[in-house]
PDB file of N, CA and C in Angstrom:
ATOM      1  N   MET A   1       1.842  42.447  -4.660  1.00  0.00           N
ATOM      2  CA  MET A   1       1.178  43.486  -5.505  1.00  0.00           C
ATOM      3  C   MET A   1      -0.024  42.775  -6.200  1.00  0.00           C
ATOM      4  N   MET A   2       0.052  41.559  -6.432  1.00  0.00           N
ATOM      5  CA  MET A   2      -1.113  40.780  -7.131  1.00  0.00           C
ATOM      6  C   MET A   2      -2.465  40.925  -6.289  1.00  0.00           C
ATOM      7  N   ALA A   3      -2.264  40.920  -4.810  1.00  0.00           N
ATOM      8  CA  ALA A   3      -3.314  41.080  -3.922  1.00  0.00           C
ATOM      9  C   ALA A   3      -4.040  42.373  -4.011  1.00  0.00           C
ATOM     10  N   THR A   4      -3.306  43.457  -4.679  1.00  0.00           N
ATOM     11  CA  THR A   4      -4.175  44.791  -4.917  1.00  0.00           C
ATOM     12  C   THR A   4      -5.109  44.635  -5.986  1.00  0.00           C
ATOM     13  N   MET A   5      -5.311  43.520  -6.714  1.00  0.00           N
ATOM     14  CA  MET A   5      -6.387  43.356  -7.779  1.00  0.00           C
ATOM     15  C   MET A   5      -7.541  43.053  -6.991  1.00  0.00           C
ATOM     16  N   LEU A   6      -7.501  42.828  -5.637  1.00  0.00           N
ATOM     17  CA  LEU A   6      -8.830  42.678  -4.790  1.00  0.00           C
ATOM     18  C   LEU A   6      -9.703  44.042  -4.890  1.00  0.00           C
ATOM     19  N   VAL A   7      -8.992  45.010  -5.251  1.00  0.00           N
ATOM     20  CA  VAL A   7      -9.766  46.332  -5.390  1.00  0.00           C
ATOM     21  C   VAL A   7     -10.974  46.254  -6.306  1.00  0.00           C
ATOM     22  N   ASP A   8     -10.830  45.174  -7.230  1.00  0.00           N
ATOM     23  CA  ASP A   8     -11.890  44.895  -8.211  1.00  0.00           C
ATOM     24  C   ASP A   8     -12.915  44.288  -7.732  1.00  0.00           C
ATOM     25  N   ALA A   9     -12.890  43.900  -6.428  1.00  0.00           N
ATOM     26  CA  ALA A   9     -14.203  43.324  -5.738  1.00  0.00           C
ATOM     27  C   ALA A   9     -15.375  44.230  -5.698  1.00  0.00           C
ATOM     28  N   ASP A  10     -15.192  45.500  -5.874  1.00  0.00           N
ATOM     29  CA  ASP A  10     -16.297  46.471  -5.746  1.00  0.00           C
ATOM     30  C   ASP A  10     -17.116  46.263  -7.323  1.00  0.00           C
ATOM     31  N   HIS A  11     -16.495  45.660  -8.148  1.00  0.00           N
ATOM     32  CA  HIS A  11     -17.465  45.359  -9.380  1.00  0.00           C
ATOM     33  C   HIS A  11     -18.573  44.420  -9.279  1.00  0.00           C
ATOM     34  N   LEU A  12     -18.360  43.753  -8.093  1.00  0.00           N
ATOM     35  CA  LEU A  12     -19.503  42.798  -7.835  1.00  0.00           C
ATOM     36  C   LEU A  12     -20.811  43.526  -7.301  1.00  0.00           C
ATOM     37  N   LEU A  13     -20.704  44.776  -7.001  1.00  0.00           N
ATOM     38  CA  LEU A  13     -21.802  45.644  -6.570  1.00  0.00           C
ATOM     39  C   LEU A  13     -22.542  46.298  -7.756  1.00  0.00           C
ATOM     40  N   ALA A  14     -21.824  46.087  -8.825  1.00  0.00           N
ATOM     41  CA  ALA A  14     -22.481  46.833 -10.078  1.00  0.00           C
ATOM     42  C   ALA A  14     -23.536  45.906 -10.653  1.00  0.00           C
ATOM     43  N   ASP A  15     -24.417  46.633 -11.468  1.00  0.00           N
ATOM     44  CA  ASP A  15     -25.397  45.911 -12.184  1.00  0.00           C
ATOM     45  C   ASP A  15     -25.454  46.248 -13.609  1.00  0.00           C
ATOM     46  N   PRO A  16     -25.142  45.661 -14.620  1.00  0.00           N
ATOM     47  CA  PRO A  16     -24.493  44.165 -14.456  1.00  0.00           C
ATOM     48  C   PRO A  16     -23.144  44.194 -13.945  1.00  0.00           C
ATOM     49  N   ILE A  17     -22.695  43.121 -13.431  1.00  0.00           N
ATOM     50  CA  ILE A  17     -21.300  43.112 -12.892  1.00  0.00           C
ATOM     51  C   ILE A  17     -20.261  43.378 -13.971  1.00  0.00           C
ATOM     52  N   TYR A  18     -20.311  42.733 -15.101  1.00  0.00           N
ATOM     53  CA  TYR A  18     -19.319  43.030 -16.179  1.00  0.00           C
ATOM     54  C   TYR A  18     -20.156  43.675 -17.285  1.00  0.00           C
ATOM     55  N   ASP A  19     -19.573  44.765 -17.708  1.00  0.00           N
ATOM     56  CA  ASP A  19     -19.966  45.572 -18.817  1.00  0.00           C
ATOM     57  C   ASP A  19     -18.799  46.089 -19.699  1.00  0.00           C
ATOM     58  N   PRO A  20     -18.540  45.480 -20.855  1.00  0.00           N
ATOM     59  CA  PRO A  20     -17.279  45.644 -21.622  1.00  0.00           C
ATOM     60  C   PRO A  20     -17.090  47.103 -21.981  1.00  0.00           C
ATOM     61  N   GLY A  21     -18.197  47.881 -22.073  1.00  0.00           N
ATOM     62  CA  GLY A  21     -18.011  49.294 -22.556  1.00  0.00           C
ATOM     63  C   GLY A  21     -17.982  50.270 -21.304  1.00  0.00           C
ATOM     64  N   ARG A  22     -18.155  49.871 -20.119  1.00  0.00           N
ATOM     65  CA  ARG A  22     -18.137  50.744 -18.983  1.00  0.00           C
ATOM     66  C   ARG A  22     -16.696  51.085 -18.369  1.00  0.00           C
ATOM     67  N   CYS A  23     -16.540  52.242 -18.116  1.00  0.00           N
ATOM     68  CA  CYS A  23     -15.227  52.701 -17.551  1.00  0.00           C
ATOM     69  C   CYS A  23     -15.299  52.463 -16.063  1.00  0.00           C
ATOM     70  N   SER A  24     -14.396  51.944 -15.449  1.00  0.00           N
ATOM     71  CA  SER A  24     -14.329  51.545 -13.900  1.00  0.00           C
ATOM     72  C   SER A  24     -14.055  52.726 -13.222  1.00  0.00           C
ATOM     73  N   ILE A  25     -13.324  53.669 -13.797  1.00  0.00           N
ATOM     74  CA  ILE A  25     -12.749  54.857 -12.953  1.00  0.00           C
ATOM     75  C   ILE A  25     -14.049  55.806 -12.875  1.00  0.00           C
ATOM     76  N   GLY A  26     -14.374  56.231 -11.689  1.00  0.00           N
ATOM     77  CA  GLY A  26     -15.532  57.024 -11.395  1.00  0.00           C
ATOM     78  C   GLY A  26     -16.965  56.314 -11.381  1.00  0.00           C
ATOM     79  N   PHE A  27     -16.767  55.098 -11.706  1.00  0.00           N
ATOM     80  CA  PHE A  27     -17.970  54.230 -11.538  1.00  0.00           C
ATOM     81  C   PHE A  27     -18.249  53.387 -10.333  1.00  0.00           C
ATOM     82  N   HIS A  28     -17.081  52.639  -9.977  1.00  0.00           N
ATOM     83  CA  HIS A  28     -17.084  51.760  -8.801  1.00  0.00           C
ATOM     84  C   HIS A  28     -16.617  52.544  -7.589  1.00  0.00           C
ATOM     85  N   LEU A  29     -16.959  51.950  -6.395  1.00  0.00           N
ATOM     86  CA  LEU A  29     -16.591  52.708  -5.233  1.00  0.00           C
ATOM     87  C   LEU A  29     -15.168  52.755  -5.069  1.00  0.00           C
ATOM     88  N   LEU A  30     -14.300  51.812  -5.264  1.00  0.00           N
ATOM     89  CA  LEU A  30     -12.836  51.931  -4.884  1.00  0.00           C
ATOM     90  C   LEU A  30     -12.112  52.358  -6.126  1.00  0.00           C
ATOM     91  N   HIS A  31     -12.813  52.854  -7.140  1.00  0.00           N
ATOM     92  CA  HIS A  31     -12.207  53.476  -8.194  1.00  0.00           C
ATOM     93  C   HIS A  31     -12.613  54.971  -8.582  1.00  0.00           C
ATOM     94  N   GLU A  32     -13.047  55.459  -7.451  1.00  0.00           N
ATOM     95  CA  GLU A  32     -13.422  57.037  -7.497  1.00  0.00           C
ATOM     96  C   GLU A  32     -12.056  57.875  -7.396  1.00  0.00           C
ATOM     97  N   PRO A  33     -12.055  58.971  -8.142  1.00  0.00           N
ATOM     98  CA  PRO A  33     -11.052  59.909  -8.200  1.00  0.00           C
ATOM     99  C   PRO A  33     -10.620  60.324  -6.574  1.00  0.00           C
ATOM    100  N   MET A  34     -11.715  60.455  -5.932  1.00  0.00           N
ATOM    101  CA  MET A  34     -11.457  60.840  -4.509  1.00  0.00           C
ATOM    102  C   MET A  34     -10.587  59.929  -3.546  1.00  0.00           C
ATOM    103  N   VAL A  35     -10.564  58.560  -3.941  1.00  0.00           N
ATOM    104  CA  VAL A  35      -9.974  57.598  -3.210  1.00  0.00           C
ATOM    105  C   VAL A  35      -8.578  57.489  -3.695  1.00  0.00           C
ATOM    106  N   MET A  36      -8.260  57.787  -4.894  1.00  0.00           N
ATOM    107  CA  MET A  36      -6.875  57.597  -5.345  1.00  0.00           C
ATOM    108  C   MET A  36      -5.770  58.369  -4.678  1.00  0.00           C
ATOM    109  N   PRO A  37      -5.892  59.654  -4.086  1.00  0.00           N
ATOM    110  CA  PRO A  37      -4.943  60.102  -3.316  1.00  0.00           C
ATOM    111  C   PRO A  37      -4.442  59.425  -2.022  1.00  0.00           C
ATOM    112  N   LEU A  38      -5.527  58.430  -1.478  1.00  0.00           N
ATOM    113  CA  LEU A  38      -5.291  57.581  -0.459  1.00  0.00           C
ATOM    114  C   LEU A  38      -4.236  56.443  -0.917  1.00  0.00           C
ATOM    115  N   TYR A  39      -4.284  56.162  -2.183  1.00  0.00           N
ATOM    116  CA  TYR A  39      -3.530  55.094  -2.643  1.00  0.00           C
ATOM    117  C   TYR A  39      -2.115  55.714  -2.859  1.00  0.00           C
ATOM    118  N   LEU A  40      -1.985  56.832  -3.172  1.00  0.00           N
ATOM    119  CA  LEU A  40      -0.704  57.505  -3.373  1.00  0.00           C
ATOM    120  C   LEU A  40      -0.238  57.826  -1.966  1.00  0.00           C
ATOM    121  N   PHE A  41      -1.046  58.011  -1.124  1.00  0.00           N
ATOM    122  CA  PHE A  41      -0.499  58.232   0.364  1.00  0.00           C
ATOM    123  C   PHE A  41       0.236  57.041   0.834  1.00  0.00           C
ATOM    124  N   LEU A  42      -0.074  55.754   0.489  1.00  0.00           N
ATOM    125  CA  LEU A  42       0.461  54.567   0.960  1.00  0.00           C
ATOM    126  C   LEU A  42       1.909  54.564   0.532  1.00  0.00           C
ATOM    127  N   PHE A  43       2.308  55.316  -0.381  1.00  0.00           N
ATOM    128  CA  PHE A  43       3.585  55.183  -0.933  1.00  0.00           C
ATOM    129  C   PHE A  43       4.598  55.820   0.392  1.00  0.00           C
ATOM    130  N   ILE A  44       4.133  56.476   1.188  1.00  0.00           N
ATOM    131  CA  ILE A  44       5.026  57.186   2.343  1.00  0.00           C
ATOM    132  C   ILE A  44       5.469  56.284   3.423  1.00  0.00           C
ATOM    133  N   TYR A  45       4.746  55.291   3.805  1.00  0.00           N
ATOM    134  CA  TYR A  45       5.167  54.402   4.600  1.00  0.00           C
ATOM    135  C   TYR A  45       5.811  52.941   3.898  1.00  0.00           C
ATOM    136  N   PRO A  46       7.011  52.573   4.424  1.00  0.00           N
ATOM    137  CA  PRO A  46       7.566  51.677   3.692  1.00  0.00           C
ATOM    138  C   PRO A  46       6.975  50.270   3.944  1.00  0.00           C
ATOM    139  N   LYS A  47       6.093  49.937   4.838  1.00  0.00           N
ATOM    140  CA  LYS A  47       5.317  48.920   4.906  1.00  0.00           C
ATOM    141  C   LYS A  47       4.071  48.809   4.039  1.00  0.00           C
ATOM    142  N   THR A  48       3.607  49.807   3.601  1.00  0.00           N
ATOM    143  CA  THR A  48       2.517  49.839   2.797  1.00  0.00           C
ATOM    144  C   THR A  48       2.858  50.258   1.367  1.00  0.00           C
ATOM    145  N   ARG A  49       4.053  50.381   1.063  1.00  0.00           N
ATOM    146  CA  ARG A  49       4.641  51.090  -0.234  1.00  0.00           C
ATOM    147  C   ARG A  49       4.236  50.061  -1.303  1.00  0.00           C
ATOM    148  N   ILE A  50       4.529  48.968  -1.235  1.00  0.00           N
ATOM    149  CA  ILE A  50       4.050  47.789  -2.422  1.00  0.00           C
ATOM    150  C   ILE A  50       2.704  47.941  -2.656  1.00  0.00           C
ATOM    151  N   VAL A  51       1.842  47.936  -1.679  1.00  0.00           N
ATOM    152  CA  VAL A  51       0.374  48.000  -1.761  1.00  0.00           C
ATOM    153  C   VAL A  51       0.065  49.375  -2.708  1.00  0.00           C
ATOM    154  N   GLY A  52       0.647  50.580  -2.217  1.00  0.00           N
ATOM    155  CA  GLY A  52       0.383  51.727  -3.005  1.00  0.00           C
ATOM    156  C   GLY A  52       0.763  51.729  -4.347  1.00  0.00           C
ATOM    157  N   ILE A  53       1.835  51.130  -4.619  1.00  0.00           N
ATOM    158  CA  ILE A  53       2.259  50.957  -5.996  1.00  0.00           C
ATOM    159  C   ILE A  53       1.402  50.064  -6.702  1.00  0.00           C
ATOM    160  N   GLY A  54       1.139  49.041  -6.118  1.00  0.00           N
ATOM    161  CA  GLY A  54       0.004  48.125  -6.940  1.00  0.00           C
ATOM    162  C   GLY A  54      -1.239  48.682  -7.193  1.00  0.00           C
ATOM    163  N   LEU A  55      -1.859  49.505  -6.181  1.00  0.00           N
ATOM    164  CA  LEU A  55      -3.050  50.088  -6.417  1.00  0.00           C
ATOM    165  C   LEU A  55      -2.961  51.369  -7.356  1.00  0.00           C
ATOM    166  N   ALA A  56      -1.696  51.984  -7.320  1.00  0.00           N
ATOM    167  CA  ALA A  56      -1.569  53.216  -8.303  1.00  0.00           C
ATOM    168  C   ALA A  56      -1.501  52.620  -9.791  1.00  0.00           C
ATOM    169  N   VAL A  57      -0.695  51.610  -9.947  1.00  0.00           N
ATOM    170  CA  VAL A  57      -0.613  50.842 -11.234  1.00  0.00           C
ATOM    171  C   VAL A  57      -1.996  50.299 -11.608  1.00  0.00           C
ATOM    172  N   HIS A  58      -2.843  49.777 -10.800  1.00  0.00           N
ATOM    173  CA  HIS A  58      -4.111  49.434 -11.209  1.00  0.00           C
ATOM    174  C   HIS A  58      -4.943  50.561 -11.689  1.00  0.00           C
ATOM    175  N   MET A  59      -4.951  51.578 -11.044  1.00  0.00           N
ATOM    176  CA  MET A  59      -5.779  52.829 -11.381  1.00  0.00           C
ATOM    177  C   MET A  59      -5.114  53.246 -12.813  1.00  0.00           C
ATOM    178  N   VAL A  60      -3.883  53.216 -13.010  1.00  0.00           N
ATOM    179  CA  VAL A  60      -3.375  53.820 -14.304  1.00  0.00           C
ATOM    180  C   VAL A  60      -3.837  52.910 -15.360  1.00  0.00           C
ATOM    181  N   LEU A  61      -3.758  51.512 -15.164  1.00  0.00           N
ATOM    182  CA  LEU A  61      -4.147  50.660 -16.179  1.00  0.00           C
ATOM    183  C   LEU A  61      -5.679  50.755 -16.380  1.00  0.00           C
ATOM    184  N   ASP A  62      -6.336  50.891 -15.424  1.00  0.00           N
ATOM    185  CA  ASP A  62      -7.962  51.259 -15.710  1.00  0.00           C
ATOM    186  C   ASP A  62      -8.111  52.460 -16.389  1.00  0.00           C
ATOM    187  N   SER A  63      -7.339  53.352 -16.050  1.00  0.00           N
ATOM    188  CA  SER A  63      -7.441  54.666 -17.095  1.00  0.00           C
ATOM    189  C   SER A  63      -7.153  54.455 -18.480  1.00  0.00           C
ATOM    190  N   VAL A  64      -6.039  53.682 -18.751  1.00  0.00           N
ATOM    191  CA  VAL A  64      -5.688  53.408 -20.144  1.00  0.00           C
ATOM    192  C   VAL A  64      -6.941  52.485 -20.767  1.00  0.00           C
ATOM    193  N   ASP A  65      -7.472  51.559 -19.953  1.00  0.00           N
ATOM    194  CA  ASP A  65      -8.621  50.876 -20.519  1.00  0.00           C
ATOM    195  C   ASP A  65      -9.685  51.714 -20.990  1.00  0.00           C
ATOM    196  N   CYS A  66     -10.058  52.927 -19.922  1.00  0.00           N
ATOM    197  CA  CYS A  66     -11.074  53.904 -20.410  1.00  0.00           C
ATOM    198  C   CYS A  66     -10.738  54.487 -21.568  1.00  0.00           C
ATOM    199  N   GLN A  67      -9.588  54.960 -21.822  1.00  0.00           N
ATOM    200  CA  GLN A  67      -9.193  55.586 -22.953  1.00  0.00           C
ATOM    201  C   GLN A  67      -9.442  54.737 -24.331  1.00  0.00           C
ATOM    202  N   PHE A  68      -9.055  53.401 -24.067  1.00  0.00           N
ATOM    203  CA  PHE A  68      -9.267  52.616 -25.399  1.00  0.00           C
ATOM    204  C   PHE A  68     -10.742  52.219 -25.512  1.00  0.00           C
ATOM    205  N   THR A  69     -11.477  52.068 -24.477  1.00  0.00           N
ATOM    206  CA  THR A  69     -12.899  51.582 -24.797  1.00  0.00           C
ATOM    207  C   THR A  69     -13.797  52.589 -25.009  1.00  0.00           C
ATOM    208  N   ASN A  70     -13.543  53.943 -24.340  1.00  0.00           N
ATOM    209  CA  ASN A  70     -14.498  54.856 -24.495  1.00  0.00           C
ATOM    210  C   ASN A  70     -13.935  56.293 -24.964  1.00  0.00           C
ATOM    211  N   GLY A  71     -12.762  56.332 -25.122  1.00  0.00           N
ATOM    212  CA  GLY A  71     -12.059  57.672 -25.501  1.00  0.00           C
ATOM    213  C   GLY A  71     -11.989  58.554 -24.467  1.00  0.00           C
ATOM    214  N   VAL A  72     -12.057  58.351 -23.157  1.00  0.00           N
ATOM    215  CA  VAL A  72     -12.147  59.241 -22.225  1.00  0.00           C
ATOM    216  C   VAL A  72     -10.908  58.900 -21.394  1.00  0.00           C
ATOM    217  N   TRP A  73     -10.138  59.921 -21.081  1.00  0.00           N
ATOM    218  CA  TRP A  73      -8.771  59.749 -20.313  1.00  0.00           C
ATOM    219  C   TRP A  73      -9.006  60.212 -18.732  1.00  0.00           C
ATOM    220  N   PHE A  74      -8.805  59.383 -17.840  1.00  0.00           N
ATOM    221  CA  PHE A  74      -9.046  59.692 -16.421  1.00  0.00           C
ATOM    222  C   PHE A  74      -7.843  59.666 -15.773  1.00  0.00           C
ATOM    223  N   MET A  75      -6.940  60.612 -15.551  1.00  0.00           N
ATOM    224  CA  MET A  75      -5.786  60.699 -14.875  1.00  0.00           C
ATOM    225  C   MET A  75      -5.552  62.021 -14.041  1.00  0.00           C
TER     226      MET A  75
END
């Protein structure tokens, strides 16, 4: 599940790479709402279930971060 944090590699494409006030949901390529159903789809197959859980947890935590930093709730 820790390997699913590699989804944050898309932050390297942003300018600036780190912005403490930026919400990653909807801004970065792998954090788009259109991609999230794919992460949930990974739950179906036993071999990818752990990856799907890790990615879903990652998106939930990023949504909570958006709520705390910007007051915007993405879920």
